[in-house]
Amino acid sequence: MADKDTKQIRDEFDDVVNMSPKELENWLATDESQSVGQSSGDGEESTGHSMGRRIVEIQKKKADDLDDDDLAAMKKVHGYVARHLEQKPKKEDIETSKWRYSLMNWGHDPLK
């Protein structure tokens, strides 16, 4: 991937991921985190919860150590958060909403 593309992906990822690795790890350990998202059943981890763990791994890497799989995941995170922010509930209490919990699994706390 060209350096320009890599920088843009990193910048977009950094724009939407506003939780530190520690905040995200603590969040992922909660019942609320595990209560949202789609999984294939059989008690498997949801897609968002799994991506939250992947985000922590990416955040802990040096920029020069990011590989194509990391960059693809970072693009996916940016796209998901951007789309999900457009779906903000109108009347629901945001603080305890499944909408917020789902975003937080993807490293974005809309209340920050």
N, C-alpha and C. Protein backbone atom coordinates (compact mmCIF):
# COMPACT_ATOMS: atom_id res chain seq x y z
N MET A 1 0.84 -1.18 0.00
CA MET A 1 0.00 0.00 0.00
C MET A 1 0.89 1.24 0.00
N ALA A 2 0.48 2.26 -0.72
CA ALA A 2 1.27 3.49 -0.78
C ALA A 2 1.28 4.19 0.58
N ASP A 3 2.38 4.88 0.86
CA ASP A 3 2.51 5.58 2.14
C ASP A 3 1.37 6.56 2.37
N LYS A 4 0.92 7.24 1.30
CA LYS A 4 -0.18 8.20 1.42
C LYS A 4 -1.46 7.49 1.88
N ASP A 5 -1.74 6.33 1.28
CA ASP A 5 -2.92 5.57 1.66
C ASP A 5 -2.82 5.09 3.11
N THR A 6 -1.65 4.63 3.49
CA THR A 6 -1.42 4.14 4.85
C THR A 6 -1.63 5.27 5.86
N LYS A 7 -1.10 6.43 5.56
CA LYS A 7 -1.27 7.57 6.47
C LYS A 7 -2.75 7.96 6.58
N GLN A 8 -3.46 7.96 5.47
CA GLN A 8 -4.88 8.31 5.50
C GLN A 8 -5.67 7.30 6.33
N ILE A 9 -5.37 6.03 6.16
CA ILE A 9 -6.05 4.98 6.94
C ILE A 9 -5.77 5.17 8.42
N ARG A 10 -4.52 5.41 8.77
CA ARG A 10 -4.16 5.62 10.18
C ARG A 10 -4.88 6.85 10.74
N ASP A 11 -4.89 7.94 9.96
CA ASP A 11 -5.55 9.17 10.42
C ASP A 11 -7.05 8.95 10.64
N GLU A 12 -7.69 8.28 9.70
CA GLU A 12 -9.13 8.02 9.83
C GLU A 12 -9.42 7.11 11.03
N PHE A 13 -8.60 6.12 11.23
CA PHE A 13 -8.73 5.23 12.38
C PHE A 13 -8.58 6.02 13.67
N ASP A 14 -7.55 6.85 13.74
CA ASP A 14 -7.30 7.66 14.94
C ASP A 14 -8.43 8.66 15.19
N ASP A 15 -9.09 9.11 14.12
CA ASP A 15 -10.21 10.05 14.27
C ASP A 15 -11.41 9.40 14.94
N VAL A 16 -11.66 8.12 14.65
CA VAL A 16 -12.86 7.48 15.19
C VAL A 16 -12.62 6.68 16.46
N VAL A 17 -11.42 6.17 16.66
CA VAL A 17 -11.12 5.40 17.87
C VAL A 17 -10.68 6.38 18.96
N ASN A 18 -11.59 6.66 19.89
CA ASN A 18 -11.30 7.66 20.92
C ASN A 18 -11.16 7.03 22.32
N MET A 19 -11.05 5.72 22.36
CA MET A 19 -10.83 5.04 23.63
C MET A 19 -9.39 4.52 23.65
N SER A 20 -8.74 4.67 24.80
CA SER A 20 -7.37 4.17 24.94
C SER A 20 -7.41 2.65 24.99
N PRO A 21 -6.28 1.99 24.75
CA PRO A 21 -6.27 0.53 24.87
C PRO A 21 -6.78 0.05 26.23
N LYS A 22 -6.38 0.72 27.30
CA LYS A 22 -6.81 0.32 28.64
C LYS A 22 -8.32 0.51 28.81
N GLU A 23 -8.84 1.66 28.36
CA GLU A 23 -10.29 1.90 28.45
C GLU A 23 -11.05 0.83 27.68
N LEU A 24 -10.56 0.51 26.49
CA LEU A 24 -11.25 -0.47 25.67
C LEU A 24 -11.16 -1.87 26.29
N GLU A 25 -10.00 -2.24 26.80
CA GLU A 25 -9.86 -3.54 27.48
C GLU A 25 -10.82 -3.63 28.67
N ASN A 26 -10.89 -2.58 29.48
CA ASN A 26 -11.80 -2.57 30.63
C ASN A 26 -13.26 -2.68 30.17
N TRP A 27 -13.61 -1.96 29.11
CA TRP A 27 -14.97 -1.99 28.59
C TRP A 27 -15.32 -3.40 28.09
N LEU A 28 -14.41 -4.01 27.34
CA LEU A 28 -14.67 -5.33 26.76
C LEU A 28 -14.89 -6.41 27.83
N ALA A 29 -14.43 -6.15 29.05
CA ALA A 29 -14.60 -7.11 30.15
C ALA A 29 -15.97 -6.99 30.82
N THR A 30 -16.78 -6.01 30.42
CA THR A 30 -18.08 -5.79 31.07
C THR A 30 -19.19 -6.64 30.45
N ASP A 31 -20.23 -6.87 31.24
CA ASP A 31 -21.41 -7.57 30.73
C ASP A 31 -22.09 -6.75 29.65
N GLU A 32 -22.08 -5.42 29.79
CA GLU A 32 -22.72 -4.55 28.81
C GLU A 32 -22.07 -4.72 27.44
N SER A 33 -20.75 -4.78 27.43
CA SER A 33 -20.04 -4.96 26.17
C SER A 33 -20.43 -6.27 25.50
N GLN A 34 -20.55 -7.30 26.30
CA GLN A 34 -20.85 -8.62 25.75
C GLN A 34 -22.33 -8.81 25.43
N SER A 35 -23.16 -7.82 25.80
CA SER A 35 -24.61 -7.94 25.60
C SER A 35 -25.05 -7.47 24.22
N VAL A 36 -24.16 -6.89 23.44
CA VAL A 36 -24.55 -6.33 22.13
C VAL A 36 -23.74 -6.96 21.01
N GLY A 37 -24.27 -6.82 19.81
CA GLY A 37 -23.55 -7.26 18.62
C GLY A 37 -24.07 -8.57 18.09
N GLN A 38 -23.66 -8.85 16.85
CA GLN A 38 -24.08 -10.07 16.18
C GLN A 38 -22.99 -11.12 16.27
N SER A 39 -23.42 -12.33 16.55
CA SER A 39 -22.49 -13.45 16.53
C SER A 39 -23.16 -14.60 15.79
N SER A 40 -22.40 -15.60 15.48
CA SER A 40 -22.96 -16.73 14.74
C SER A 40 -23.65 -17.73 15.65
N GLY A 41 -23.79 -17.39 16.92
CA GLY A 41 -24.47 -18.28 17.86
C GLY A 41 -23.50 -19.15 18.62
N ASP A 42 -23.99 -20.17 19.27
CA ASP A 42 -23.17 -21.11 20.04
C ASP A 42 -22.32 -20.41 21.08
N GLY A 43 -22.78 -19.27 21.59
CA GLY A 43 -22.03 -18.56 22.62
C GLY A 43 -20.76 -17.89 22.12
N GLU A 44 -20.61 -17.81 20.80
CA GLU A 44 -19.42 -17.19 20.25
C GLU A 44 -19.42 -15.69 20.49
N GLU A 45 -18.24 -15.13 20.49
CA GLU A 45 -18.05 -13.71 20.67
C GLU A 45 -18.64 -12.95 19.48
N SER A 46 -19.24 -11.78 19.76
CA SER A 46 -19.81 -10.99 18.68
C SER A 46 -18.70 -10.39 17.81
N THR A 47 -19.08 -10.01 16.61
CA THR A 47 -18.13 -9.41 15.67
C THR A 47 -17.50 -8.15 16.27
N GLY A 48 -18.33 -7.30 16.86
CA GLY A 48 -17.82 -6.05 17.45
C GLY A 48 -16.89 -6.30 18.62
N HIS A 49 -17.24 -7.26 19.45
CA HIS A 49 -16.40 -7.57 20.61
C HIS A 49 -15.04 -8.09 20.15
N SER A 50 -15.06 -8.94 19.16
CA SER A 50 -13.81 -9.46 18.60
C SER A 50 -12.98 -8.32 17.98
N MET A 51 -13.65 -7.42 17.28
CA MET A 51 -12.94 -6.29 16.68
C MET A 51 -12.37 -5.38 17.76
N GLY A 52 -13.06 -5.24 18.87
CA GLY A 52 -12.52 -4.44 19.98
C GLY A 52 -11.18 -4.98 20.45
N ARG A 53 -11.07 -6.30 20.56
CA ARG A 53 -9.79 -6.90 20.95
C ARG A 53 -8.73 -6.64 19.89
N ARG A 54 -9.15 -6.69 18.63
CA ARG A 54 -8.22 -6.45 17.51
C ARG A 54 -7.75 -4.99 17.53
N ILE A 55 -8.64 -4.07 17.85
CA ILE A 55 -8.29 -2.64 17.92
C ILE A 55 -7.21 -2.43 18.98
N VAL A 56 -7.36 -3.08 20.13
CA VAL A 56 -6.35 -2.95 21.19
C VAL A 56 -4.99 -3.42 20.67
N GLU A 57 -4.98 -4.54 19.96
CA GLU A 57 -3.71 -5.03 19.39
C GLU A 57 -3.10 -3.99 18.45
N ILE A 58 -3.94 -3.41 17.59
CA ILE A 58 -3.46 -2.42 16.63
C ILE A 58 -2.93 -1.18 17.35
N GLN A 59 -3.65 -0.73 18.36
CA GLN A 59 -3.23 0.47 19.10
C GLN A 59 -1.88 0.28 19.77
N LYS A 60 -1.56 -0.94 20.14
CA LYS A 60 -0.31 -1.20 20.84
C LYS A 60 0.88 -1.36 19.89
N LYS A 61 0.61 -1.42 18.60
CA LYS A 61 1.68 -1.57 17.62
C LYS A 61 2.26 -0.21 17.24
N LYS A 62 3.51 -0.21 16.85
CA LYS A 62 4.12 0.99 16.27
C LYS A 62 3.61 1.12 14.84
N ALA A 63 3.48 2.35 14.38
CA ALA A 63 2.95 2.61 13.04
C ALA A 63 3.72 1.83 11.97
N ASP A 64 5.02 1.75 12.11
CA ASP A 64 5.84 1.05 11.11
C ASP A 64 5.64 -0.46 11.13
N ASP A 65 5.03 -0.97 12.19
CA ASP A 65 4.82 -2.41 12.31
C ASP A 65 3.45 -2.86 11.81
N LEU A 66 2.62 -1.91 11.38
CA LEU A 66 1.29 -2.26 10.88
C LEU A 66 1.42 -2.98 9.54
N ASP A 67 0.70 -4.10 9.40
CA ASP A 67 0.73 -4.83 8.13
C ASP A 67 -0.59 -4.63 7.39
N ASP A 68 -0.71 -5.26 6.23
CA ASP A 68 -1.90 -5.07 5.41
C ASP A 68 -3.17 -5.53 6.12
N ASP A 69 -3.09 -6.60 6.93
CA ASP A 69 -4.26 -7.05 7.69
C ASP A 69 -4.69 -6.01 8.72
N ASP A 70 -3.71 -5.37 9.36
CA ASP A 70 -4.01 -4.31 10.32
C ASP A 70 -4.70 -3.14 9.61
N LEU A 71 -4.15 -2.75 8.48
CA LEU A 71 -4.72 -1.62 7.73
C LEU A 71 -6.13 -1.93 7.25
N ALA A 72 -6.37 -3.15 6.83
CA ALA A 72 -7.72 -3.55 6.41
C ALA A 72 -8.69 -3.48 7.59
N ALA A 73 -8.25 -3.93 8.76
CA ALA A 73 -9.08 -3.85 9.97
C ALA A 73 -9.35 -2.40 10.34
N MET A 74 -8.34 -1.55 10.21
CA MET A 74 -8.50 -0.14 10.53
C MET A 74 -9.50 0.53 9.60
N LYS A 75 -9.48 0.18 8.33
CA LYS A 75 -10.47 0.71 7.37
C LYS A 75 -11.87 0.25 7.75
N LYS A 76 -11.97 -1.01 8.15
CA LYS A 76 -13.27 -1.57 8.54
C LYS A 76 -13.82 -0.83 9.77
N VAL A 77 -12.94 -0.55 10.74
CA VAL A 77 -13.35 0.18 11.94
C VAL A 77 -13.87 1.56 11.57
N HIS A 78 -13.11 2.27 10.75
CA HIS A 78 -13.54 3.62 10.34
C HIS A 78 -14.90 3.57 9.65
N GLY A 79 -15.07 2.65 8.73
CA GLY A 79 -16.34 2.55 8.01
C GLY A 79 -17.50 2.22 8.93
N TYR A 80 -17.29 1.27 9.85
CA TYR A 80 -18.36 0.89 10.77
C TYR A 80 -18.77 2.06 11.65
N VAL A 81 -17.78 2.71 12.27
CA VAL A 81 -18.10 3.81 13.18
C VAL A 81 -18.78 4.94 12.43
N ALA A 82 -18.29 5.29 11.25
CA ALA A 82 -18.91 6.37 10.47
C ALA A 82 -20.37 6.05 10.16
N ARG A 83 -20.64 4.82 9.72
CA ARG A 83 -22.02 4.42 9.41
C ARG A 83 -22.89 4.39 10.67
N HIS A 84 -22.35 3.84 11.74
CA HIS A 84 -23.12 3.68 12.97
C HIS A 84 -23.46 5.03 13.61
N LEU A 85 -22.56 6.00 13.51
CA LEU A 85 -22.84 7.33 14.05
C LEU A 85 -24.04 7.97 13.37
N GLU A 86 -24.27 7.63 12.11
CA GLU A 86 -25.42 8.15 11.36
C GLU A 86 -26.74 7.61 11.90
N GLN A 87 -26.69 6.53 12.65
CA GLN A 87 -27.90 5.87 13.15
C GLN A 87 -28.22 6.22 14.60
N LYS A 88 -27.74 7.35 15.05
CA LYS A 88 -27.95 7.77 16.44
C LYS A 88 -29.45 7.77 16.78
N PRO A 89 -29.81 7.11 17.87
CA PRO A 89 -31.22 7.08 18.28
C PRO A 89 -31.72 8.48 18.63
N LYS A 90 -32.97 8.73 18.33
CA LYS A 90 -33.55 10.06 18.57
C LYS A 90 -34.02 10.26 20.01
N LYS A 91 -34.70 9.26 20.56
CA LYS A 91 -35.33 9.45 21.86
C LYS A 91 -34.74 8.62 22.98
N GLU A 92 -33.92 7.66 22.63
CA GLU A 92 -33.37 6.74 23.62
C GLU A 92 -32.31 7.43 24.48
N ASP A 93 -32.18 6.96 25.72
CA ASP A 93 -31.11 7.43 26.59
C ASP A 93 -29.80 6.89 26.03
N ILE A 94 -28.98 7.78 25.49
CA ILE A 94 -27.75 7.38 24.80
C ILE A 94 -26.79 6.65 25.73
N GLU A 95 -26.67 7.10 26.97
CA GLU A 95 -25.66 6.56 27.87
C GLU A 95 -25.75 5.05 28.04
N THR A 96 -26.96 4.53 28.11
CA THR A 96 -27.13 3.08 28.33
C THR A 96 -27.72 2.38 27.09
N SER A 97 -27.56 2.98 25.94
CA SER A 97 -28.15 2.41 24.73
C SER A 97 -27.27 1.33 24.10
N LYS A 98 -27.93 0.38 23.45
CA LYS A 98 -27.20 -0.64 22.70
C LYS A 98 -26.38 0.02 21.60
N TRP A 99 -26.85 1.13 21.06
CA TRP A 99 -26.13 1.88 20.03
C TRP A 99 -24.75 2.31 20.56
N ARG A 100 -24.73 2.92 21.74
CA ARG A 100 -23.46 3.35 22.33
C ARG A 100 -22.59 2.15 22.67
N TYR A 101 -23.18 1.13 23.27
CA TYR A 101 -22.40 -0.05 23.65
C TYR A 101 -21.73 -0.68 22.43
N SER A 102 -22.47 -0.75 21.33
CA SER A 102 -21.92 -1.32 20.11
C SER A 102 -20.75 -0.48 19.59
N LEU A 103 -20.93 0.82 19.58
CA LEU A 103 -19.84 1.71 19.15
C LEU A 103 -18.61 1.56 20.05
N MET A 104 -18.85 1.43 21.33
CA MET A 104 -17.72 1.29 22.26
C MET A 104 -16.96 -0.01 22.00
N ASN A 105 -17.65 -1.08 21.59
CA ASN A 105 -16.96 -2.31 21.25
C ASN A 105 -15.99 -2.07 20.09
N TRP A 106 -16.30 -1.08 19.26
CA TRP A 106 -15.46 -0.74 18.11
C TRP A 106 -14.51 0.41 18.43
N GLY A 107 -14.37 0.73 19.73
CA GLY A 107 -13.36 1.71 20.17
C GLY A 107 -13.80 3.15 20.16
N HIS A 108 -15.10 3.41 19.95
CA HIS A 108 -15.59 4.79 19.90
C HIS A 108 -16.67 5.01 20.95
N ASP A 109 -16.41 5.91 21.89
CA ASP A 109 -17.42 6.30 22.87
C ASP A 109 -18.02 7.62 22.42
N PRO A 110 -19.29 7.61 21.97
CA PRO A 110 -19.91 8.84 21.46
C PRO A 110 -20.14 9.91 22.53
N LEU A 111 -19.96 9.56 23.79
CA LEU A 111 -20.15 10.54 24.87
C LEU A 111 -18.85 11.26 25.21
N LYS A 112 -17.75 10.91 24.57
CA LYS A 112 -16.47 11.57 24.81
C LYS A 112 -16.37 12.83 23.99
